[in-house]
Amino acid sequence: MRLLVTGGAGFIGSNFIRYFLNEHAEAFVINVDKLTYAGNLSNLADIQDNPRYTFHRIDITSAKKMADVFAQGVDAVVNFAAESHVDRSIENASRFIRTNVAGTQCLLDLARRHEVRRFVQVSTDEVYGSVEGQPSSREDAPLAPNSPYAASKASADLLCRACWRTYGFPVIVTRCTNNYGPYQHPEKLIPLMISNAMEDKPLPVYGDGLNVRDWIHVMEHCAALDAVLHHGRPGEVYNIGGGNTRTNLDIVHEILRLLGKPTSLVQFVKDRPGHDRVYALNCEKIRQELAWSPRVSLEQGLEATVGWYQTHSDWVRAVRSGSYRSYYRKFYEQRELTLGRYSRG
């Protein structure tokens, strides 16, 4: 299989590429990433010379450059490419509409034109909105996004549905709960709390900290996506969850316990606008149809994640300072000149 992964230099995308190459010895992965602040090629430094992997620096809204990639031969697409931070979407929604909505439509158009056999759209549980006092969301639940980010992802989901209903194109949408694990950008809750706690800095917690989320280790998510890619039914939506429902404050306290740090580091800050109280997914469909279920408990996963950030403090500092960008820009440009394996967009 020749698999196109968009947004593959990000947190989940980079973990998925590594997982997929390890699990499928005959697979070839084409990674396309714009390399925004969240795209980091150091996440894939260990596979950059793998002959079954190649990278193209391209914005997915660039139809011409993406057409050149599809023309090389693509059997399937997994679309991770997205602006994904809620706070940033509140400050400026336009980039989210461009990448998450227009970018997805560009990929769908090209994938149809090149007769790609399978297209997996990676979405989020946030499209269902807050379900406080309600049953967990099934795949057929109404979409009720409450942030510009969630609205842009819901829009992309609907474009995928329309592509299936109108053209019969084999697209599948997945909606996952909160991910955590190695290589996650330190603006997100768990790596932010870990890195701040390691440096004895305040841990900023929105509101009262009682917002409820379900957490899944990123490698469990990768395994679920692999199952959907190979065995999911075209036109369907699959919820993916870890079965680890906790309040944000529970997560913060567990991180402090693992690091042996005092709870006095917790600092409650003004809540963000439109902050959803509860996300909860019903994941029976993927368990019954694809025989997938999570195996890593939150306690095991968090302990491993804390350990990873403790041993990768240089990575955290480089991401926070932005120094990795200049290094990998030079690296990428040199590779482009010498090997012709990279294309610029």
C-alpha atoms as a PDB file:
ATOM      1  CA  MET A   1       0.000   0.000   0.000  1.00  0.00           C
ATOM      2  CA  ARG A   2       1.109   3.531  -0.827  1.00  0.00           C
ATOM      3  CA  LEU A   3      -0.384   5.588   2.000  1.00  0.00           C
ATOM      4  CA  LEU A   4      -0.602   9.372   1.964  1.00  0.00           C
ATOM      5  CA  VAL A   5      -0.591  10.830   5.478  1.00  0.00           C
ATOM      6  CA  THR A   6      -1.341  14.525   5.731  1.00  0.00           C
ATOM      7  CA  GLY A   7      -0.227  16.406   8.819  1.00  0.00           C
ATOM      8  CA  GLY A   8       2.249  13.637   9.499  1.00  0.00           C
ATOM      9  CA  ALA A   9       4.775  15.842  11.307  1.00  0.00           C
ATOM     10  CA  GLY A  10       2.292  16.587  14.071  1.00  0.00           C
ATOM     11  CA  PHE A  11       1.666  14.706  17.292  1.00  0.00           C
ATOM     12  CA  ILE A  12      -0.807  11.994  16.247  1.00  0.00           C
ATOM     13  CA  GLY A  13       0.315  11.901  12.610  1.00  0.00           C
ATOM     14  CA  SER A  14       3.968  11.250  13.424  1.00  0.00           C
ATOM     15  CA  ASN A  15       3.084   8.496  15.872  1.00  0.00           C
ATOM     16  CA  PHE A  16       0.775   6.940  13.276  1.00  0.00           C
ATOM     17  CA  ILE A  17       3.452   6.939  10.563  1.00  0.00           C
ATOM     18  CA  ARG A  18       5.911   5.209  12.857  1.00  0.00           C
ATOM     19  CA  TYR A  19       3.240   2.705  13.916  1.00  0.00           C
ATOM     20  CA  PHE A  20       2.154   1.995  10.345  1.00  0.00           C
ATOM     21  CA  LEU A  21       5.664   1.415   9.022  1.00  0.00           C
ATOM     22  CA  ASN A  22       6.371  -0.954  11.913  1.00  0.00           C
ATOM     23  CA  GLU A  23       3.123  -2.889  11.456  1.00  0.00           C
ATOM     24  CA  HIS A  24       3.149  -3.149   7.646  1.00  0.00           C
ATOM     25  CA  ALA A  25       6.471  -4.233   6.203  1.00  0.00           C
ATOM     26  CA  GLU A  26       5.434  -3.654   2.580  1.00  0.00           C
ATOM     27  CA  ALA A  27       3.834  -0.249   3.105  1.00  0.00           C
ATOM     28  CA  PHE A  28       5.210   3.016   1.702  1.00  0.00           C
ATOM     29  CA  VAL A  29       4.228   6.237   3.478  1.00  0.00           C
ATOM     30  CA  ILE A  30       4.134   9.667   1.851  1.00  0.00           C
ATOM     31  CA  ASN A  31       4.043  12.373   4.505  1.00  0.00           C
ATOM     32  CA  VAL A  32       2.716  15.821   3.584  1.00  0.00           C
ATOM     33  CA  ASP A  33       2.914  18.618   6.137  1.00  0.00           C
ATOM     34  CA  LYS A  34       2.919  22.402   5.915  1.00  0.00           C
ATOM     35  CA  LEU A  35       5.224  22.554   8.974  1.00  0.00           C
ATOM     36  CA  THR A  36       3.350  25.135  11.004  1.00  0.00           C
ATOM     37  CA  TYR A  37       4.372  25.633  14.643  1.00  0.00           C
ATOM     38  CA  ALA A  38       2.838  22.233  15.474  1.00  0.00           C
ATOM     39  CA  GLY A  39       4.599  20.352  12.674  1.00  0.00           C
ATOM     40  CA  ASN A  40       7.971  19.109  13.833  1.00  0.00           C
ATOM     41  CA  LEU A  41      10.214  16.869  11.717  1.00  0.00           C
ATOM     42  CA  SER A  42      12.236  15.941  14.783  1.00  0.00           C
ATOM     43  CA  ASN A  43       9.191  13.829  15.742  1.00  0.00           C
ATOM     44  CA  LEU A  44      10.244  11.542  12.864  1.00  0.00           C
ATOM     45  CA  ALA A  45      14.023  11.832  13.077  1.00  0.00           C
ATOM     46  CA  ASP A  46      14.372   8.081  13.666  1.00  0.00           C
ATOM     47  CA  ILE A  47      12.717   7.189  10.333  1.00  0.00           C
ATOM     48  CA  GLN A  48      13.860  10.050   8.079  1.00  0.00           C
ATOM     49  CA  ASP A  49      16.180   7.679   6.176  1.00  0.00           C
ATOM     50  CA  ASN A  50      13.677   4.833   5.897  1.00  0.00           C
ATOM     51  CA  PRO A  51      13.432   3.892   2.187  1.00  0.00           C
ATOM     52  CA  ARG A  52       9.682   3.312   2.634  1.00  0.00           C
ATOM     53  CA  TYR A  53       9.079   6.884   3.762  1.00  0.00           C
ATOM     54  CA  THR A  54       9.207  10.258   2.053  1.00  0.00           C
ATOM     55  CA  PHE A  55       8.262  13.791   3.043  1.00  0.00           C
ATOM     56  CA  HIS A  56       6.810  16.727   1.102  1.00  0.00           C
ATOM     57  CA  ARG A  57       6.476  20.181   2.609  1.00  0.00           C
ATOM     58  CA  ILE A  58       3.147  21.304   1.144  1.00  0.00           C
ATOM     59  CA  ASP A  59       0.016  23.136   2.269  1.00  0.00           C
ATOM     60  CA  ILE A  60      -2.933  20.803   1.624  1.00  0.00           C
ATOM     61  CA  THR A  61      -4.925  23.715   0.177  1.00  0.00           C
ATOM     62  CA  SER A  62      -2.399  23.927  -2.687  1.00  0.00           C
ATOM     63  CA  ALA A  63      -4.292  21.898  -5.306  1.00  0.00           C
ATOM     64  CA  LYS A  64      -1.516  21.963  -7.891  1.00  0.00           C
ATOM     65  CA  LYS A  65       1.227  20.762  -5.567  1.00  0.00           C
ATOM     66  CA  MET A  66      -1.024  18.157  -3.960  1.00  0.00           C
ATOM     67  CA  ALA A  67      -2.006  16.922  -7.445  1.00  0.00           C
ATOM     68  CA  ASP A  68       1.681  16.247  -8.104  1.00  0.00           C
ATOM     69  CA  VAL A  69       1.780  14.080  -4.980  1.00  0.00           C
ATOM     70  CA  PHE A  70      -1.323  12.107  -5.940  1.00  0.00           C
ATOM     71  CA  ALA A  71       0.112  11.612  -9.428  1.00  0.00           C
ATOM     72  CA  GLN A  72       2.983   9.616  -7.872  1.00  0.00           C
ATOM     73  CA  GLY A  73       0.444   6.944  -6.922  1.00  0.00           C
ATOM     74  CA  VAL A  74      -1.673   6.887  -3.763  1.00  0.00           C
ATOM     75  CA  ASP A  75      -3.776   3.937  -2.627  1.00  0.00           C
ATOM     76  CA  ALA A  76      -5.208   5.449   0.550  1.00  0.00           C
ATOM     77  CA  VAL A  77      -5.254   8.703   2.507  1.00  0.00           C
ATOM     78  CA  VAL A  78      -5.339   9.387   6.252  1.00  0.00           C
ATOM     79  CA  ASN A  79      -5.983  13.077   6.832  1.00  0.00           C
ATOM     80  CA  PHE A  80      -4.599  14.425  10.105  1.00  0.00           C
ATOM     81  CA  ALA A  81      -3.789  17.874   8.702  1.00  0.00           C
ATOM     82  CA  ALA A  82      -5.611  20.426  10.826  1.00  0.00           C
ATOM     83  CA  GLU A  83      -5.330  23.484  12.955  1.00  0.00           C
ATOM     84  CA  SER A  84      -6.349  21.978  16.271  1.00  0.00           C
ATOM     85  CA  HIS A  85      -5.902  24.253  19.285  1.00  0.00           C
ATOM     86  CA  VAL A  86      -9.206  25.622  20.587  1.00  0.00           C
ATOM     87  CA  ASP A  87      -7.683  28.744  22.148  1.00  0.00           C
ATOM     88  CA  ARG A  88      -6.023  29.666  18.863  1.00  0.00           C
ATOM     89  CA  SER A  89      -9.322  29.179  17.000  1.00  0.00           C
ATOM     90  CA  ILE A  90     -11.016  31.606  19.373  1.00  0.00           C
ATOM     91  CA  GLU A  91      -8.343  34.205  18.638  1.00  0.00           C
ATOM     92  CA  ASN A  92      -8.421  33.698  14.851  1.00  0.00           C
ATOM     93  CA  ALA A  93     -10.808  31.271  13.168  1.00  0.00           C
ATOM     94  CA  SER A  94      -9.824  32.017   9.560  1.00  0.00           C
ATOM     95  CA  ARG A  95      -6.817  29.668   9.502  1.00  0.00           C
ATOM     96  CA  PHE A  96      -9.001  26.876  10.849  1.00  0.00           C
ATOM     97  CA  ILE A  97     -11.556  27.339   8.079  1.00  0.00           C
ATOM     98  CA  ARG A  98      -8.818  27.397   5.437  1.00  0.00           C
ATOM     99  CA  THR A  99      -6.981  24.265   6.545  1.00  0.00           C
ATOM    100  CA  ASN A 100      -9.693  22.183   8.167  1.00  0.00           C
ATOM    101  CA  VAL A 101     -12.512  22.891   5.698  1.00  0.00           C
ATOM    102  CA  ALA A 102     -11.029  24.065   2.387  1.00  0.00           C
ATOM    103  CA  GLY A 103      -8.010  21.769   2.819  1.00  0.00           C
ATOM    104  CA  THR A 104     -10.203  18.718   3.379  1.00  0.00           C
ATOM    105  CA  GLN A 105     -12.287  19.520   0.294  1.00  0.00           C
ATOM    106  CA  CYS A 106      -9.124  19.895  -1.793  1.00  0.00           C
ATOM    107  CA  LEU A 107      -7.958  16.440  -0.670  1.00  0.00           C
ATOM    108  CA  LEU A 108     -11.344  14.870  -1.351  1.00  0.00           C
ATOM    109  CA  ASP A 109     -11.445  16.313  -4.868  1.00  0.00           C
ATOM    110  CA  LEU A 110      -7.973  15.050  -5.702  1.00  0.00           C
ATOM    111  CA  ALA A 111      -8.506  11.659  -4.089  1.00  0.00           C
ATOM    112  CA  ARG A 112     -11.665  11.133  -6.149  1.00  0.00           C
ATOM    113  CA  ARG A 113      -9.935  12.230  -9.335  1.00  0.00           C
ATOM    114  CA  HIS A 114      -7.088   9.775  -8.749  1.00  0.00           C
ATOM    115  CA  GLU A 115      -9.436   6.948  -7.712  1.00  0.00           C
ATOM    116  CA  VAL A 116      -7.961   6.487  -4.244  1.00  0.00           C
ATOM    117  CA  ARG A 117      -9.370   3.310  -2.703  1.00  0.00           C
ATOM    118  CA  ARG A 118      -9.842   4.553   0.875  1.00  0.00           C
ATOM    119  CA  PHE A 119      -9.923   7.963   2.590  1.00  0.00           C
ATOM    120  CA  VAL A 120      -9.917   8.267   6.399  1.00  0.00           C
ATOM    121  CA  GLN A 121     -10.826  11.663   7.853  1.00  0.00           C
ATOM    122  CA  VAL A 122      -9.497  12.026  11.414  1.00  0.00           C
ATOM    123  CA  SER A 123     -11.970  14.109  13.383  1.00  0.00           C
ATOM    124  CA  THR A 124     -12.745  14.780  17.047  1.00  0.00           C
ATOM    125  CA  ASP A 125     -15.366  14.167  19.735  1.00  0.00           C
ATOM    126  CA  GLU A 126     -15.679  17.953  20.035  1.00  0.00           C
ATOM    127  CA  VAL A 127     -18.031  18.030  17.026  1.00  0.00           C
ATOM    128  CA  TYR A 128     -20.794  16.622  19.272  1.00  0.00           C
ATOM    129  CA  GLY A 129     -20.471  19.485  21.752  1.00  0.00           C
ATOM    130  CA  SER A 130     -20.928  19.181  25.501  1.00  0.00           C
ATOM    131  CA  VAL A 131     -23.072  16.248  26.665  1.00  0.00           C
ATOM    132  CA  GLU A 132     -23.421  17.147  30.329  1.00  0.00           C
ATOM    133  CA  GLY A 133     -26.437  15.331  31.748  1.00  0.00           C
ATOM    134  CA  GLN A 134     -26.966  13.440  28.477  1.00  0.00           C
ATOM    135  CA  PRO A 135     -26.082   9.946  27.234  1.00  0.00           C
ATOM    136  CA  SER A 136     -22.682   9.466  25.599  1.00  0.00           C
ATOM    137  CA  SER A 137     -22.594  10.424  21.925  1.00  0.00           C
ATOM    138  CA  ARG A 138     -23.189   7.739  19.326  1.00  0.00           C
ATOM    139  CA  GLU A 139     -22.044   8.187  15.744  1.00  0.00           C
ATOM    140  CA  ASP A 140     -25.521   9.285  14.647  1.00  0.00           C
ATOM    141  CA  ALA A 141     -25.855  11.973  17.333  1.00  0.00           C
ATOM    142  CA  PRO A 142     -26.516  15.532  16.112  1.00  0.00           C
ATOM    143  CA  LEU A 143     -23.425  17.674  15.637  1.00  0.00           C
ATOM    144  CA  ALA A 144     -23.347  20.670  17.987  1.00  0.00           C
ATOM    145  CA  PRO A 145     -19.846  22.208  17.910  1.00  0.00           C
ATOM    146  CA  ASN A 146     -19.229  25.062  20.344  1.00  0.00           C
ATOM    147  CA  SER A 147     -15.834  26.433  19.292  1.00  0.00           C
ATOM    148  CA  PRO A 148     -14.545  27.649  15.926  1.00  0.00           C
ATOM    149  CA  TYR A 149     -12.149  24.682  15.904  1.00  0.00           C
ATOM    150  CA  ALA A 150     -14.944  22.158  16.515  1.00  0.00           C
ATOM    151  CA  ALA A 151     -17.162  23.876  13.943  1.00  0.00           C
ATOM    152  CA  SER A 152     -14.423  23.625  11.311  1.00  0.00           C
ATOM    153  CA  LYS A 153     -13.968  19.911  12.011  1.00  0.00           C
ATOM    154  CA  ALA A 154     -17.725  19.302  11.895  1.00  0.00           C
ATOM    155  CA  SER A 155     -17.804  21.086   8.534  1.00  0.00           C
ATOM    156  CA  ALA A 156     -15.077  18.790   7.215  1.00  0.00           C
ATOM    157  CA  ASP A 157     -16.992  15.757   8.480  1.00  0.00           C
ATOM    158  CA  LEU A 158     -20.064  16.875   6.562  1.00  0.00           C
ATOM    159  CA  LEU A 159     -18.048  17.409   3.388  1.00  0.00           C
ATOM    160  CA  CYS A 160     -16.861  13.813   3.737  1.00  0.00           C
ATOM    161  CA  ARG A 161     -20.430  12.616   4.201  1.00  0.00           C
ATOM    162  CA  ALA A 162     -21.493  14.544   1.098  1.00  0.00           C
ATOM    163  CA  CYS A 163     -18.624  13.047  -0.898  1.00  0.00           C
ATOM    164  CA  TRP A 164     -19.819   9.558   0.014  1.00  0.00           C
ATOM    165  CA  ARG A 165     -23.511  10.247  -0.568  1.00  0.00           C
ATOM    166  CA  THR A 166     -23.042  12.176  -3.813  1.00  0.00           C
ATOM    167  CA  TYR A 167     -20.179  10.323  -5.484  1.00  0.00           C
ATOM    168  CA  GLY A 168     -19.955   7.026  -3.612  1.00  0.00           C
ATOM    169  CA  PHE A 169     -16.364   7.858  -2.739  1.00  0.00           C
ATOM    170  CA  PRO A 170     -15.034   5.488  -0.006  1.00  0.00           C
ATOM    171  CA  VAL A 171     -14.484   7.952   2.807  1.00  0.00           C
ATOM    172  CA  ILE A 172     -14.641   7.054   6.505  1.00  0.00           C
ATOM    173  CA  VAL A 173     -14.736   9.529   9.413  1.00  0.00           C
ATOM    174  CA  THR A 174     -13.260   8.782  12.840  1.00  0.00           C
ATOM    175  CA  ARG A 175     -13.987  10.845  15.947  1.00  0.00           C
ATOM    176  CA  CYS A 176     -11.590  10.369  18.815  1.00  0.00           C
ATOM    177  CA  THR A 177     -11.374  11.522  22.398  1.00  0.00           C
ATOM    178  CA  ASN A 178      -8.401  13.397  23.915  1.00  0.00           C
ATOM    179  CA  ASN A 179      -5.029  11.898  22.964  1.00  0.00           C
ATOM    180  CA  TYR A 180      -1.858  11.941  25.039  1.00  0.00           C
ATOM    181  CA  GLY A 181       1.604  10.437  24.699  1.00  0.00           C
ATOM    182  CA  PRO A 182       5.070  11.200  23.272  1.00  0.00           C
ATOM    183  CA  TYR A 183       5.724  14.123  20.917  1.00  0.00           C
ATOM    184  CA  GLN A 184       2.620  16.107  21.907  1.00  0.00           C
ATOM    185  CA  HIS A 185       3.093  19.872  21.639  1.00  0.00           C
ATOM    186  CA  PRO A 186       3.577  21.399  25.118  1.00  0.00           C
ATOM    187  CA  GLU A 187       0.667  23.819  24.667  1.00  0.00           C
ATOM    188  CA  LYS A 188      -1.711  20.867  25.267  1.00  0.00           C
ATOM    189  CA  LEU A 189      -2.923  19.974  28.767  1.00  0.00           C
ATOM    190  CA  ILE A 190      -0.893  16.891  29.692  1.00  0.00           C
ATOM    191  CA  PRO A 191       2.529  17.888  28.279  1.00  0.00           C
ATOM    192  CA  LEU A 192       2.040  21.444  29.565  1.00  0.00           C
ATOM    193  CA  MET A 193       1.365  20.196  33.084  1.00  0.00           C
ATOM    194  CA  ILE A 194       4.238  17.709  32.969  1.00  0.00           C
ATOM    195  CA  SER A 195       6.809  20.205  31.679  1.00  0.00           C
ATOM    196  CA  ASN A 196       5.691  22.980  34.055  1.00  0.00           C
ATOM    197  CA  ALA A 197       5.681  20.635  37.036  1.00  0.00           C
ATOM    198  CA  MET A 198       9.191  19.394  36.211  1.00  0.00           C
ATOM    199  CA  GLU A 199      10.355  23.007  36.379  1.00  0.00           C
ATOM    200  CA  ASP A 200       8.266  23.812  39.503  1.00  0.00           C
ATOM    201  CA  LYS A 201       6.241  26.357  37.552  1.00  0.00           C
ATOM    202  CA  PRO A 202       2.532  27.060  38.158  1.00  0.00           C
ATOM    203  CA  LEU A 203       0.096  24.670  36.468  1.00  0.00           C
ATOM    204  CA  PRO A 204      -2.681  26.799  34.916  1.00  0.00           C
ATOM    205  CA  VAL A 205      -6.072  25.084  35.113  1.00  0.00           C
ATOM    206  CA  TYR A 206      -9.127  26.603  33.429  1.00  0.00           C
ATOM    207  CA  GLY A 207     -12.114  27.453  35.640  1.00  0.00           C
ATOM    208  CA  ASP A 208     -12.699  24.946  38.426  1.00  0.00           C
ATOM    209  CA  GLY A 209     -10.863  22.133  36.604  1.00  0.00           C
ATOM    210  CA  LEU A 210     -13.937  19.895  36.607  1.00  0.00           C
ATOM    211  CA  ASN A 211     -14.380  19.680  32.845  1.00  0.00           C
ATOM    212  CA  VAL A 212     -14.668  15.992  31.959  1.00  0.00           C
ATOM    213  CA  ARG A 213     -12.772  14.297  29.133  1.00  0.00           C
ATOM    214  CA  ASP A 214     -12.040  10.739  28.024  1.00  0.00           C
ATOM    215  CA  TRP A 215      -8.328  10.070  27.457  1.00  0.00           C
ATOM    216  CA  ILE A 216      -6.670   7.641  25.061  1.00  0.00           C
ATOM    217  CA  HIS A 217      -2.991   6.916  24.562  1.00  0.00           C
ATOM    218  CA  VAL A 218      -1.927   7.962  21.075  1.00  0.00           C
ATOM    219  CA  MET A 219      -0.696   4.480  20.144  1.00  0.00           C
ATOM    220  CA  GLU A 220      -4.128   3.029  20.959  1.00  0.00           C
ATOM    221  CA  HIS A 221      -5.600   5.619  18.597  1.00  0.00           C
ATOM    222  CA  CYS A 222      -3.094   4.582  15.922  1.00  0.00           C
ATOM    223  CA  ALA A 223      -4.157   0.957  16.220  1.00  0.00           C
ATOM    224  CA  ALA A 224      -7.816   1.958  15.899  1.00  0.00           C
ATOM    225  CA  LEU A 225      -7.100   4.030  12.778  1.00  0.00           C
ATOM    226  CA  ASP A 226      -5.230   1.096  11.258  1.00  0.00           C
ATOM    227  CA  ALA A 227      -8.276  -1.114  11.851  1.00  0.00           C
ATOM    228  CA  VAL A 228     -10.596   1.474  10.304  1.00  0.00           C
ATOM    229  CA  LEU A 229      -8.311   1.969   7.310  1.00  0.00           C
ATOM    230  CA  HIS A 230      -8.211  -1.741   6.490  1.00  0.00           C
ATOM    231  CA  HIS A 231     -11.605  -2.979   7.654  1.00  0.00           C
ATOM    232  CA  GLY A 232     -13.954  -0.029   8.220  1.00  0.00           C
ATOM    233  CA  ARG A 233     -17.072   0.338   6.088  1.00  0.00           C
ATOM    234  CA  PRO A 234     -17.019   3.204   3.551  1.00  0.00           C
ATOM    235  CA  GLY A 235     -19.429   6.014   4.360  1.00  0.00           C
ATOM    236  CA  GLU A 236     -19.421   5.223   8.071  1.00  0.00           C
ATOM    237  CA  VAL A 237     -18.356   7.147  11.178  1.00  0.00           C
ATOM    238  CA  TYR A 238     -16.472   5.425  13.997  1.00  0.00           C
ATOM    239  CA  ASN A 239     -16.082   6.820  17.506  1.00  0.00           C
ATOM    240  CA  ILE A 240     -12.752   6.011  19.169  1.00  0.00           C
ATOM    241  CA  GLY A 241     -12.312   6.348  22.930  1.00  0.00           C
ATOM    242  CA  GLY A 242     -10.035   5.162  25.678  1.00  0.00           C
ATOM    243  CA  GLY A 243     -12.617   4.490  28.376  1.00  0.00           C
ATOM    244  CA  ASN A 244     -10.641   6.723  30.752  1.00  0.00           C
ATOM    245  CA  THR A 245     -13.041   9.474  31.822  1.00  0.00           C
ATOM    246  CA  ARG A 246     -11.520  11.995  34.235  1.00  0.00           C
ATOM    247  CA  THR A 247     -11.816  15.641  35.159  1.00  0.00           C
ATOM    248  CA  ASN A 248      -8.955  17.876  34.099  1.00  0.00           C
ATOM    249  CA  LEU A 249      -8.134  18.349  37.772  1.00  0.00           C
ATOM    250  CA  ASP A 250      -7.875  14.565  38.232  1.00  0.00           C
ATOM    251  CA  ILE A 251      -5.326  14.464  35.402  1.00  0.00           C
ATOM    252  CA  VAL A 252      -3.301  17.310  36.876  1.00  0.00           C
ATOM    253  CA  HIS A 253      -3.240  15.752  40.351  1.00  0.00           C
ATOM    254  CA  GLU A 254      -2.122  12.385  38.925  1.00  0.00           C
ATOM    255  CA  ILE A 255       0.735  14.062  37.066  1.00  0.00           C
ATOM    256  CA  LEU A 256       1.812  15.839  40.248  1.00  0.00           C
ATOM    257  CA  ARG A 257       1.700  12.536  42.137  1.00  0.00           C
ATOM    258  CA  LEU A 258       3.843  10.785  39.528  1.00  0.00           C
ATOM    259  CA  LEU A 259       6.407  13.601  39.660  1.00  0.00           C
ATOM    260  CA  GLY A 260       6.321  13.932  43.445  1.00  0.00           C
ATOM    261  CA  LYS A 261       5.274  17.581  43.222  1.00  0.00           C
ATOM    262  CA  PRO A 262       2.895  19.496  45.553  1.00  0.00           C
ATOM    263  CA  THR A 263      -0.691  20.356  44.616  1.00  0.00           C
ATOM    264  CA  SER A 264       0.134  23.957  45.567  1.00  0.00           C
ATOM    265  CA  LEU A 265       1.538  24.294  42.013  1.00  0.00           C
ATOM    266  CA  VAL A 266      -2.052  24.239  40.679  1.00  0.00           C
ATOM    267  CA  GLN A 267      -3.191  27.723  39.654  1.00  0.00           C
ATOM    268  CA  PHE A 268      -6.817  28.210  38.624  1.00  0.00           C
ATOM    269  CA  VAL A 269      -7.185  30.723  35.798  1.00  0.00           C
ATOM    270  CA  LYS A 270     -10.112  32.392  34.023  1.00  0.00           C
ATOM    271  CA  ASP A 271     -12.069  29.887  31.959  1.00  0.00           C
ATOM    272  CA  ARG A 272     -11.985  30.181  28.184  1.00  0.00           C
ATOM    273  CA  PRO A 273     -15.123  31.226  26.278  1.00  0.00           C
ATOM    274  CA  GLY A 274     -17.519  28.418  25.336  1.00  0.00           C
ATOM    275  CA  HIS A 275     -15.552  25.794  27.270  1.00  0.00           C
ATOM    276  CA  ASP A 276     -17.468  22.504  26.901  1.00  0.00           C
ATOM    277  CA  ARG A 277     -18.124  20.812  30.220  1.00  0.00           C
ATOM    278  CA  VAL A 278     -18.327  17.138  29.239  1.00  0.00           C
ATOM    279  CA  TYR A 279     -17.325  15.023  26.238  1.00  0.00           C
ATOM    280  CA  ALA A 280     -18.318  11.367  26.197  1.00  0.00           C
ATOM    281  CA  LEU A 281     -18.371   8.862  23.337  1.00  0.00           C
ATOM    282  CA  ASN A 282     -20.214   5.603  22.868  1.00  0.00           C
ATOM    283  CA  CYS A 283     -17.627   3.368  21.175  1.00  0.00           C
ATOM    284  CA  GLU A 284     -19.612   0.141  20.844  1.00  0.00           C
ATOM    285  CA  LYS A 285     -19.654   0.342  17.046  1.00  0.00           C
ATOM    286  CA  ILE A 286     -15.885   0.053  16.517  1.00  0.00           C
ATOM    287  CA  ARG A 287     -15.651  -2.631  19.193  1.00  0.00           C
ATOM    288  CA  GLN A 288     -18.368  -4.768  17.637  1.00  0.00           C
ATOM    289  CA  GLU A 289     -17.568  -4.237  13.951  1.00  0.00           C
ATOM    290  CA  LEU A 290     -13.772  -4.087  14.016  1.00  0.00           C
ATOM    291  CA  ALA A 291     -12.982  -5.952  17.258  1.00  0.00           C
ATOM    292  CA  TRP A 292     -10.926  -3.020  18.495  1.00  0.00           C
ATOM    293  CA  SER A 293     -10.765  -1.964  22.117  1.00  0.00           C
ATOM    294  CA  PRO A 294      -8.206  -0.011  24.176  1.00  0.00           C
ATOM    295  CA  ARG A 295      -5.775  -1.977  26.303  1.00  0.00           C
ATOM    296  CA  VAL A 296      -3.681   0.683  28.061  1.00  0.00           C
ATOM    297  CA  SER A 297      -5.080   2.043  31.325  1.00  0.00           C
ATOM    298  CA  LEU A 298      -4.767   5.757  31.999  1.00  0.00           C
ATOM    299  CA  GLU A 299      -2.509   5.053  34.965  1.00  0.00           C
ATOM    300  CA  GLN A 300      -0.102   3.013  32.812  1.00  0.00           C
ATOM    301  CA  GLY A 301      -0.218   5.462  29.933  1.00  0.00           C
ATOM    302  CA  LEU A 302       0.319   8.540  32.077  1.00  0.00           C
ATOM    303  CA  GLU A 303       3.251   6.967  33.887  1.00  0.00           C
ATOM    304  CA  ALA A 304       4.897   6.112  30.558  1.00  0.00           C
ATOM    305  CA  THR A 305       4.161   9.583  29.188  1.00  0.00           C
ATOM    306  CA  VAL A 306       5.611  11.352  32.211  1.00  0.00           C
ATOM    307  CA  GLY A 307       8.708   9.180  31.853  1.00  0.00           C
ATOM    308  CA  TRP A 308       9.016  10.097  28.171  1.00  0.00           C
ATOM    309  CA  TYR A 309       8.908  13.826  28.859  1.00  0.00           C
ATOM    310  CA  GLN A 310      11.399  13.442  31.688  1.00  0.00           C
ATOM    311  CA  THR A 311      13.894  11.810  29.324  1.00  0.00           C
ATOM    312  CA  HIS A 312      13.120  14.188  26.437  1.00  0.00           C
ATOM    313  CA  SER A 313      13.422  17.559  28.154  1.00  0.00           C
ATOM    314  CA  ASP A 314      15.663  18.779  25.318  1.00  0.00           C
ATOM    315  CA  TRP A 315      12.805  18.125  22.867  1.00  0.00           C
ATOM    316  CA  VAL A 316      10.414  20.150  25.035  1.00  0.00           C
ATOM    317  CA  ARG A 317      12.840  23.067  25.276  1.00  0.00           C
ATOM    318  CA  ALA A 318      13.449  23.029  21.520  1.00  0.00           C
ATOM    319  CA  VAL A 319       9.717  23.052  20.764  1.00  0.00           C
ATOM    320  CA  ARG A 320       9.019  25.833  23.236  1.00  0.00           C
ATOM    321  CA  SER A 321      11.845  27.972  21.889  1.00  0.00           C
ATOM    322  CA  GLY A 322      11.168  27.151  18.255  1.00  0.00           C
ATOM    323  CA  SER A 323      14.842  26.282  17.715  1.00  0.00           C
ATOM    324  CA  TYR A 324      13.975  22.951  16.059  1.00  0.00           C
ATOM    325  CA  ARG A 325      12.466  24.847  13.132  1.00  0.00           C
ATOM    326  CA  SER A 326      15.704  26.426  11.907  1.00  0.00           C
ATOM    327  CA  TYR A 327      17.608  23.156  12.316  1.00  0.00           C
ATOM    328  CA  TYR A 328      15.107  21.070  10.361  1.00  0.00           C
ATOM    329  CA  ARG A 329      14.593  23.773   7.751  1.00  0.00           C
ATOM    330  CA  LYS A 330      18.307  23.593   6.966  1.00  0.00           C
ATOM    331  CA  PHE A 331      18.239  19.790   7.111  1.00  0.00           C
ATOM    332  CA  TYR A 332      15.239  19.578   4.804  1.00  0.00           C
ATOM    333  CA  GLU A 333      16.666  22.056   2.290  1.00  0.00           C
ATOM    334  CA  GLN A 334      19.940  20.154   2.132  1.00  0.00           C
ATOM    335  CA  ARG A 335      18.137  16.853   1.592  1.00  0.00           C
ATOM    336  CA  GLU A 336      16.017  18.443  -1.109  1.00  0.00           C
ATOM    337  CA  LEU A 337      19.112  19.567  -2.971  1.00  0.00           C
ATOM    338  CA  THR A 338      21.065  16.344  -2.651  1.00  0.00           C
ATOM    339  CA  LEU A 339      18.459  13.599  -2.881  1.00  0.00           C
ATOM    340  CA  GLY A 340      15.428  15.208  -4.436  1.00  0.00           C
ATOM    341  CA  ARG A 341      13.265  13.350  -1.914  1.00  0.00           C
ATOM    342  CA  TYR A 342      11.495  16.454  -0.667  1.00  0.00           C
ATOM    343  CA  SER A 343       9.331  18.938  -2.503  1.00  0.00           C
ATOM    344  CA  ARG A 344       8.566  22.419  -1.324  1.00  0.00           C
ATOM    345  CA  GLY A 345       5.128  24.000  -1.329  1.00  0.00           C
END
